[in-house]
Amino acid sequence: MNNETNAPESCCASHVKIRSEEDKKALISRLNRIEGQIRGIRGMVEKDAYCIDIITQASAAGSALNSFSKELLGEHIKSCVAEDVRNGNNEKLDELVKTLQKLMK
């Protein structure tokens, strides 16, 4: 933290990631599409759609969410983790390893 402004010294300090408006807009857009897919699945259940059709849509929504997570993880590695390692600190690298271990269960 910068003591004069109490602002993060870097884009990833204090578990805060400062994103450009363009990046934020793109992430939110992807989440909105995923949210729409989930609402669509709920509608299919409400309308008694065929099980396989619902499963197919649920799988597509899961893939979309996984793709979102991969994109976010890649950006985290390229920015926050890389910056931390360049500064001689392995905190975010250790955090990444723990996160990957959880994801790969």
C-alpha atoms as a PDB file:
ATOM      1  CA  MET A   1       0.000   0.000   0.000  1.00  0.00           C
ATOM      2  CA  ASN A   2       1.122   3.501  -0.703  1.00  0.00           C
ATOM      3  CA  ASN A   3       0.953   5.178   2.722  1.00  0.00           C
ATOM      4  CA  GLU A   4       0.206   8.622   1.301  1.00  0.00           C
ATOM      5  CA  THR A   5      -2.871   7.645  -0.703  1.00  0.00           C
ATOM      6  CA  ASN A   6      -3.778   4.267   0.797  1.00  0.00           C
ATOM      7  CA  ALA A   7      -4.008   3.012  -2.778  1.00  0.00           C
ATOM      8  CA  PRO A   8      -2.502  -0.263  -3.967  1.00  0.00           C
ATOM      9  CA  GLU A   9       1.053   0.202  -5.235  1.00  0.00           C
ATOM     10  CA  SER A  10       0.416  -2.195  -8.094  1.00  0.00           C
ATOM     11  CA  CYS A  11      -2.486  -3.567 -10.033  1.00  0.00           C
ATOM     12  CA  CYS A  12      -2.661  -6.630  -7.811  1.00  0.00           C
ATOM     13  CA  ALA A  13      -1.794  -5.389  -4.322  1.00  0.00           C
ATOM     14  CA  SER A  14      -4.059  -6.203  -1.392  1.00  0.00           C
ATOM     15  CA  HIS A  15      -6.123  -8.666  -3.427  1.00  0.00           C
ATOM     16  CA  VAL A  16      -7.431  -5.917  -5.688  1.00  0.00           C
ATOM     17  CA  LYS A  17      -7.073  -6.079  -9.453  1.00  0.00           C
ATOM     18  CA  ILE A  18      -7.438  -2.827 -11.318  1.00  0.00           C
ATOM     19  CA  ARG A  19      -8.825  -3.625 -14.758  1.00  0.00           C
ATOM     20  CA  SER A  20      -9.354  -1.351 -17.700  1.00  0.00           C
ATOM     21  CA  GLU A  21     -12.955  -0.479 -18.458  1.00  0.00           C
ATOM     22  CA  GLU A  22     -12.611  -2.468 -21.697  1.00  0.00           C
ATOM     23  CA  ASP A  23     -11.432  -5.595 -19.854  1.00  0.00           C
ATOM     24  CA  LYS A  24     -14.134  -5.222 -17.213  1.00  0.00           C
ATOM     25  CA  LYS A  25     -16.791  -4.780 -19.898  1.00  0.00           C
ATOM     26  CA  ALA A  26     -15.614  -7.917 -21.743  1.00  0.00           C
ATOM     27  CA  LEU A  27     -15.674 -10.036 -18.560  1.00  0.00           C
ATOM     28  CA  ILE A  28     -19.119  -8.781 -17.596  1.00  0.00           C
ATOM     29  CA  SER A  29     -20.390  -9.430 -21.112  1.00  0.00           C
ATOM     30  CA  ARG A  30     -19.235 -13.058 -20.904  1.00  0.00           C
ATOM     31  CA  LEU A  31     -20.856 -13.438 -17.482  1.00  0.00           C
ATOM     32  CA  ASN A  32     -24.091 -11.953 -18.813  1.00  0.00           C
ATOM     33  CA  ARG A  33     -24.133 -14.550 -21.612  1.00  0.00           C
ATOM     34  CA  ILE A  34     -23.546 -17.341 -19.088  1.00  0.00           C
ATOM     35  CA  GLU A  35     -26.288 -15.943 -16.873  1.00  0.00           C
ATOM     36  CA  GLY A  36     -28.599 -15.967 -19.883  1.00  0.00           C
ATOM     37  CA  GLN A  37     -27.729 -19.601 -20.547  1.00  0.00           C
ATOM     38  CA  ILE A  38     -28.591 -20.488 -16.944  1.00  0.00           C
ATOM     39  CA  ARG A  39     -31.922 -18.663 -17.178  1.00  0.00           C
ATOM     40  CA  GLY A  40     -32.584 -20.560 -20.385  1.00  0.00           C
ATOM     41  CA  ILE A  41     -31.893 -23.867 -18.650  1.00  0.00           C
ATOM     42  CA  ARG A  42     -34.256 -22.916 -15.830  1.00  0.00           C
ATOM     43  CA  GLY A  43     -36.898 -22.139 -18.466  1.00  0.00           C
ATOM     44  CA  MET A  44     -36.334 -25.535 -20.045  1.00  0.00           C
ATOM     45  CA  VAL A  45     -36.907 -27.227 -16.671  1.00  0.00           C
ATOM     46  CA  GLU A  46     -40.049 -25.143 -16.097  1.00  0.00           C
ATOM     47  CA  LYS A  47     -41.341 -26.191 -19.538  1.00  0.00           C
ATOM     48  CA  ASP A  48     -40.539 -29.870 -18.922  1.00  0.00           C
ATOM     49  CA  ALA A  49     -37.981 -30.053 -21.712  1.00  0.00           C
ATOM     50  CA  TYR A  50     -36.377 -33.375 -22.584  1.00  0.00           C
ATOM     51  CA  CYS A  51     -33.629 -34.328 -20.101  1.00  0.00           C
ATOM     52  CA  ILE A  52     -30.903 -34.732 -22.712  1.00  0.00           C
ATOM     53  CA  ASP A  53     -31.643 -31.275 -24.117  1.00  0.00           C
ATOM     54  CA  ILE A  54     -31.305 -29.758 -20.647  1.00  0.00           C
ATOM     55  CA  ILE A  55     -28.090 -31.687 -19.992  1.00  0.00           C
ATOM     56  CA  THR A  56     -26.672 -30.485 -23.307  1.00  0.00           C
ATOM     57  CA  GLN A  57     -27.412 -26.867 -22.404  1.00  0.00           C
ATOM     58  CA  ALA A  58     -26.053 -27.329 -18.868  1.00  0.00           C
ATOM     59  CA  SER A  59     -22.848 -28.749 -20.321  1.00  0.00           C
ATOM     60  CA  ALA A  60     -22.544 -25.758 -22.655  1.00  0.00           C
ATOM     61  CA  ALA A  61     -23.032 -23.364 -19.726  1.00  0.00           C
ATOM     62  CA  GLY A  62     -20.411 -25.244 -17.715  1.00  0.00           C
ATOM     63  CA  SER A  63     -17.976 -25.027 -20.617  1.00  0.00           C
ATOM     64  CA  ALA A  64     -18.631 -21.304 -20.954  1.00  0.00           C
ATOM     65  CA  LEU A  65     -17.948 -20.777 -17.241  1.00  0.00           C
ATOM     66  CA  ASN A  66     -14.766 -22.886 -17.467  1.00  0.00           C
ATOM     67  CA  SER A  67     -13.642 -20.818 -20.439  1.00  0.00           C
ATOM     68  CA  PHE A  68     -14.295 -17.631 -18.449  1.00  0.00           C
ATOM     69  CA  SER A  69     -12.239 -19.004 -15.544  1.00  0.00           C
ATOM     70  CA  LYS A  70      -9.350 -19.995 -17.840  1.00  0.00           C
ATOM     71  CA  GLU A  71      -9.282 -16.511 -19.354  1.00  0.00           C
ATOM     72  CA  LEU A  72      -9.266 -14.898 -15.914  1.00  0.00           C
ATOM     73  CA  LEU A  73      -6.612 -17.308 -14.642  1.00  0.00           C
ATOM     74  CA  GLY A  74      -4.377 -16.633 -17.646  1.00  0.00           C
ATOM     75  CA  GLU A  75      -4.618 -12.898 -17.089  1.00  0.00           C
ATOM     76  CA  HIS A  76      -3.892 -13.367 -13.383  1.00  0.00           C
ATOM     77  CA  ILE A  77      -0.748 -15.358 -14.171  1.00  0.00           C
ATOM     78  CA  LYS A  78       0.475 -12.837 -16.764  1.00  0.00           C
ATOM     79  CA  SER A  79      -0.080  -9.842 -14.521  1.00  0.00           C
ATOM     80  CA  CYS A  80      -0.393 -10.421 -10.772  1.00  0.00           C
ATOM     81  CA  VAL A  81       1.688 -13.593 -10.446  1.00  0.00           C
ATOM     82  CA  ALA A  82       4.396 -12.431 -12.864  1.00  0.00           C
ATOM     83  CA  GLU A  83       4.671  -9.062 -11.120  1.00  0.00           C
ATOM     84  CA  ASP A  84       4.906 -10.728  -7.710  1.00  0.00           C
ATOM     85  CA  VAL A  85       7.676 -13.100  -8.880  1.00  0.00           C
ATOM     86  CA  ARG A  86       9.588 -10.254 -10.580  1.00  0.00           C
ATOM     87  CA  ASN A  87       9.505  -8.432  -7.241  1.00  0.00           C
ATOM     88  CA  GLY A  88      11.018 -11.453  -5.495  1.00  0.00           C
ATOM     89  CA  ASN A  89       7.818 -12.412  -3.692  1.00  0.00           C
ATOM     90  CA  ASN A  90       6.226 -15.823  -4.163  1.00  0.00           C
ATOM     91  CA  GLU A  91       2.959 -15.170  -2.302  1.00  0.00           C
ATOM     92  CA  LYS A  92       0.787 -15.077  -5.422  1.00  0.00           C
ATOM     93  CA  LEU A  93       2.682 -18.014  -6.919  1.00  0.00           C
ATOM     94  CA  ASP A  94       1.931 -20.055  -3.794  1.00  0.00           C
ATOM     95  CA  GLU A  95      -1.702 -18.904  -3.957  1.00  0.00           C
ATOM     96  CA  LEU A  96      -1.851 -19.984  -7.608  1.00  0.00           C
ATOM     97  CA  VAL A  97      -0.503 -23.458  -6.802  1.00  0.00           C
ATOM     98  CA  LYS A  98      -3.132 -23.903  -4.070  1.00  0.00           C
ATOM     99  CA  THR A  99      -5.882 -22.716  -6.412  1.00  0.00           C
ATOM    100  CA  LEU A 100      -4.777 -25.090  -9.173  1.00  0.00           C
ATOM    101  CA  GLN A 101      -4.702 -27.968  -6.697  1.00  0.00           C
ATOM    102  CA  LYS A 102      -8.311 -27.185  -5.708  1.00  0.00           C
ATOM    103  CA  LEU A 103      -9.395 -26.932  -9.336  1.00  0.00           C
ATOM    104  CA  MET A 104      -7.792 -30.242 -10.289  1.00  0.00           C
ATOM    105  CA  LYS A 105      -9.505 -32.356  -7.615  1.00  0.00           C
END
